[in-house]
């Protein structure tokens, strides 16, 4: 069941939608939006376009944001699991090679396989 943005706000989480494209050209803009949301709210629930085709810089940004939010004790989550295309990009980039449970919960909404 998908939670509404209102329920996230009540729990202190900020729904956040970032505009595509998810590439190096927009990474600074996306970084600033994510950073502000993490700093200003109890947590962030990121909603990406369904047809997301991120480049490596965006995947790295989300990984750093996930780790930073965790270090601050704040939840940072994707609204929907990563698509097969994103999974393939994560694999090619080497992210899946020693991925832990937190990584799998964030990207795929499941425990490590």
C-alpha atoms as a PDB file:
ATOM      1  CA  UNK A   1       0.000   0.000   0.000  1.00  0.00           C
ATOM      2  CA  UNK A   2       1.414   3.353  -1.006  1.00  0.00           C
ATOM      3  CA  UNK A   3       1.334   6.007   1.683  1.00  0.00           C
ATOM      4  CA  UNK A   4       0.020   9.448   0.909  1.00  0.00           C
ATOM      5  CA  UNK A   5       2.270  12.504   1.139  1.00  0.00           C
ATOM      6  CA  UNK A   6       0.137  13.706   4.041  1.00  0.00           C
ATOM      7  CA  UNK A   7       0.967  10.624   6.130  1.00  0.00           C
ATOM      8  CA  UNK A   8       4.692  11.172   5.497  1.00  0.00           C
ATOM      9  CA  UNK A   9       4.428  14.791   6.606  1.00  0.00           C
ATOM     10  CA  UNK A  10       2.658  13.717   9.794  1.00  0.00           C
ATOM     11  CA  UNK A  11       5.491  11.300  10.504  1.00  0.00           C
ATOM     12  CA  UNK A  12       7.989  14.131   9.963  1.00  0.00           C
ATOM     13  CA  UNK A  13       9.039  12.938   6.521  1.00  0.00           C
ATOM     14  CA  UNK A  14       9.129  15.360   3.639  1.00  0.00           C
ATOM     15  CA  UNK A  15       7.920  14.110   0.260  1.00  0.00           C
ATOM     16  CA  UNK A  16      10.364  15.296  -2.390  1.00  0.00           C
ATOM     17  CA  UNK A  17      10.057  15.101  -6.172  1.00  0.00           C
ATOM     18  CA  UNK A  18      13.085  15.919  -8.281  1.00  0.00           C
ATOM     19  CA  UNK A  19      12.759  16.917 -11.922  1.00  0.00           C
ATOM     20  CA  UNK A  20      14.371  14.773 -14.591  1.00  0.00           C
ATOM     21  CA  UNK A  21      16.877  14.417 -16.101  1.00  0.00           C
ATOM     22  CA  UNK A  22      18.963  12.772 -13.402  1.00  0.00           C
ATOM     23  CA  UNK A  23      22.361  13.606 -14.846  1.00  0.00           C
ATOM     24  CA  UNK A  24      25.570  15.436 -14.020  1.00  0.00           C
ATOM     25  CA  UNK A  25      24.067  18.623 -15.477  1.00  0.00           C
ATOM     26  CA  UNK A  26      21.431  18.697 -12.724  1.00  0.00           C
ATOM     27  CA  UNK A  27      23.367  17.089  -9.877  1.00  0.00           C
ATOM     28  CA  UNK A  28      24.061  20.382  -8.058  1.00  0.00           C
ATOM     29  CA  UNK A  29      20.374  21.340  -8.153  1.00  0.00           C
ATOM     30  CA  UNK A  30      19.368  17.876  -6.938  1.00  0.00           C
ATOM     31  CA  UNK A  31      22.052  17.914  -4.222  1.00  0.00           C
ATOM     32  CA  UNK A  32      20.774  21.224  -2.866  1.00  0.00           C
ATOM     33  CA  UNK A  33      17.136  20.060  -2.825  1.00  0.00           C
ATOM     34  CA  UNK A  34      17.983  16.769  -1.083  1.00  0.00           C
ATOM     35  CA  UNK A  35      20.333  18.418   1.425  1.00  0.00           C
ATOM     36  CA  UNK A  36      17.773  21.071   2.335  1.00  0.00           C
ATOM     37  CA  UNK A  37      15.034  18.459   2.766  1.00  0.00           C
ATOM     38  CA  UNK A  38      17.227  16.282   5.017  1.00  0.00           C
ATOM     39  CA  UNK A  39      18.341  19.247   7.139  1.00  0.00           C
ATOM     40  CA  UNK A  40      14.872  20.775   7.478  1.00  0.00           C
ATOM     41  CA  UNK A  41      12.751  17.677   8.092  1.00  0.00           C
ATOM     42  CA  UNK A  42      12.656  14.513  10.152  1.00  0.00           C
ATOM     43  CA  UNK A  43      13.187  12.463   7.007  1.00  0.00           C
ATOM     44  CA  UNK A  44      12.724  12.441   3.254  1.00  0.00           C
ATOM     45  CA  UNK A  45      10.721  10.228   0.905  1.00  0.00           C
ATOM     46  CA  UNK A  46      12.030  10.738  -2.629  1.00  0.00           C
ATOM     47  CA  UNK A  47       9.675  10.307  -5.561  1.00  0.00           C
ATOM     48  CA  UNK A  48      11.475   9.877  -8.890  1.00  0.00           C
ATOM     49  CA  UNK A  49       9.934   9.770 -12.341  1.00  0.00           C
ATOM     50  CA  UNK A  50       8.864   6.230 -13.275  1.00  0.00           C
ATOM     51  CA  UNK A  51      11.006   6.234 -16.402  1.00  0.00           C
ATOM     52  CA  UNK A  52      14.122   7.299 -14.499  1.00  0.00           C
ATOM     53  CA  UNK A  53      17.391   6.940 -16.413  1.00  0.00           C
ATOM     54  CA  UNK A  54      19.989   8.274 -13.981  1.00  0.00           C
ATOM     55  CA  UNK A  55      23.651   8.587 -14.736  1.00  0.00           C
ATOM     56  CA  UNK A  56      26.396   7.549 -12.331  1.00  0.00           C
ATOM     57  CA  UNK A  57      26.575  10.985 -10.679  1.00  0.00           C
ATOM     58  CA  UNK A  58      22.932  10.757  -9.614  1.00  0.00           C
ATOM     59  CA  UNK A  59      23.323   7.232  -8.239  1.00  0.00           C
ATOM     60  CA  UNK A  60      26.340   8.428  -6.255  1.00  0.00           C
ATOM     61  CA  UNK A  61      24.370  11.421  -4.969  1.00  0.00           C
ATOM     62  CA  UNK A  62      21.566   9.191  -3.697  1.00  0.00           C
ATOM     63  CA  UNK A  63      24.025   6.838  -2.012  1.00  0.00           C
ATOM     64  CA  UNK A  64      25.774   9.720  -0.247  1.00  0.00           C
ATOM     65  CA  UNK A  65      22.415  11.214   0.756  1.00  0.00           C
ATOM     66  CA  UNK A  66      21.240   7.842   2.096  1.00  0.00           C
ATOM     67  CA  UNK A  67      24.387   7.434   4.186  1.00  0.00           C
ATOM     68  CA  UNK A  68      24.309  11.047   5.394  1.00  0.00           C
ATOM     69  CA  UNK A  69      20.649  10.822   6.450  1.00  0.00           C
ATOM     70  CA  UNK A  70      21.374   7.571   8.314  1.00  0.00           C
ATOM     71  CA  UNK A  71      24.304   9.221  10.128  1.00  0.00           C
ATOM     72  CA  UNK A  72      21.891  11.950  11.260  1.00  0.00           C
ATOM     73  CA  UNK A  73      19.305   9.388  12.391  1.00  0.00           C
ATOM     74  CA  UNK A  74      16.839  10.500   9.719  1.00  0.00           C
ATOM     75  CA  UNK A  75      14.985   8.228   7.316  1.00  0.00           C
ATOM     76  CA  UNK A  76      15.698   8.695   3.617  1.00  0.00           C
ATOM     77  CA  UNK A  77      13.726   6.468   1.280  1.00  0.00           C
ATOM     78  CA  UNK A  78      12.575   6.048  -2.285  1.00  0.00           C
ATOM     79  CA  UNK A  79       8.820   6.194  -2.753  1.00  0.00           C
ATOM     80  CA  UNK A  80       9.024   3.243  -5.173  1.00  0.00           C
ATOM     81  CA  UNK A  81      11.613   0.497  -5.684  1.00  0.00           C
ATOM     82  CA  UNK A  82      14.286   1.085  -8.300  1.00  0.00           C
ATOM     83  CA  UNK A  83      13.376  -0.044 -11.797  1.00  0.00           C
ATOM     84  CA  UNK A  84      15.190  -2.883 -13.580  1.00  0.00           C
ATOM     85  CA  UNK A  85      17.075  -0.235 -15.584  1.00  0.00           C
ATOM     86  CA  UNK A  86      18.325   1.438 -12.394  1.00  0.00           C
ATOM     87  CA  UNK A  87      19.215  -1.954 -10.924  1.00  0.00           C
ATOM     88  CA  UNK A  88      21.310  -2.717 -14.011  1.00  0.00           C
ATOM     89  CA  UNK A  89      23.099   0.632 -13.714  1.00  0.00           C
ATOM     90  CA  UNK A  90      23.789  -0.005 -10.022  1.00  0.00           C
ATOM     91  CA  UNK A  91      25.245  -3.397 -10.914  1.00  0.00           C
ATOM     92  CA  UNK A  92      27.431  -2.086 -13.751  1.00  0.00           C
ATOM     93  CA  UNK A  93      28.704   0.697 -11.465  1.00  0.00           C
ATOM     94  CA  UNK A  94      29.679  -1.878  -8.828  1.00  0.00           C
ATOM     95  CA  UNK A  95      27.188  -0.814  -6.158  1.00  0.00           C
ATOM     96  CA  UNK A  96      25.694  -4.302  -5.767  1.00  0.00           C
ATOM     97  CA  UNK A  97      29.012  -6.011  -5.028  1.00  0.00           C
ATOM     98  CA  UNK A  98      28.971  -5.917  -1.191  1.00  0.00           C
ATOM     99  CA  UNK A  99      25.591  -4.239  -0.783  1.00  0.00           C
ATOM    100  CA  UNK A 100      24.140  -4.596   2.701  1.00  0.00           C
ATOM    101  CA  UNK A 101      20.556  -4.819   3.930  1.00  0.00           C
ATOM    102  CA  UNK A 102      20.167  -1.035   4.220  1.00  0.00           C
ATOM    103  CA  UNK A 103      21.192  -0.668   0.573  1.00  0.00           C
ATOM    104  CA  UNK A 104      18.634  -3.259  -0.556  1.00  0.00           C
ATOM    105  CA  UNK A 105      15.877  -1.766   1.590  1.00  0.00           C
ATOM    106  CA  UNK A 106      16.550   1.688   0.124  1.00  0.00           C
ATOM    107  CA  UNK A 107      16.867   0.782  -3.550  1.00  0.00           C
ATOM    108  CA  UNK A 108      14.644  -2.302  -3.845  1.00  0.00           C
ATOM    109  CA  UNK A 109      12.398  -2.210  -0.744  1.00  0.00           C
ATOM    110  CA  UNK A 110      13.587  -5.697   0.221  1.00  0.00           C
ATOM    111  CA  UNK A 111      16.284  -7.443   2.203  1.00  0.00           C
ATOM    112  CA  UNK A 112      19.504  -8.550   0.516  1.00  0.00           C
ATOM    113  CA  UNK A 113      19.117 -11.613  -1.688  1.00  0.00           C
END
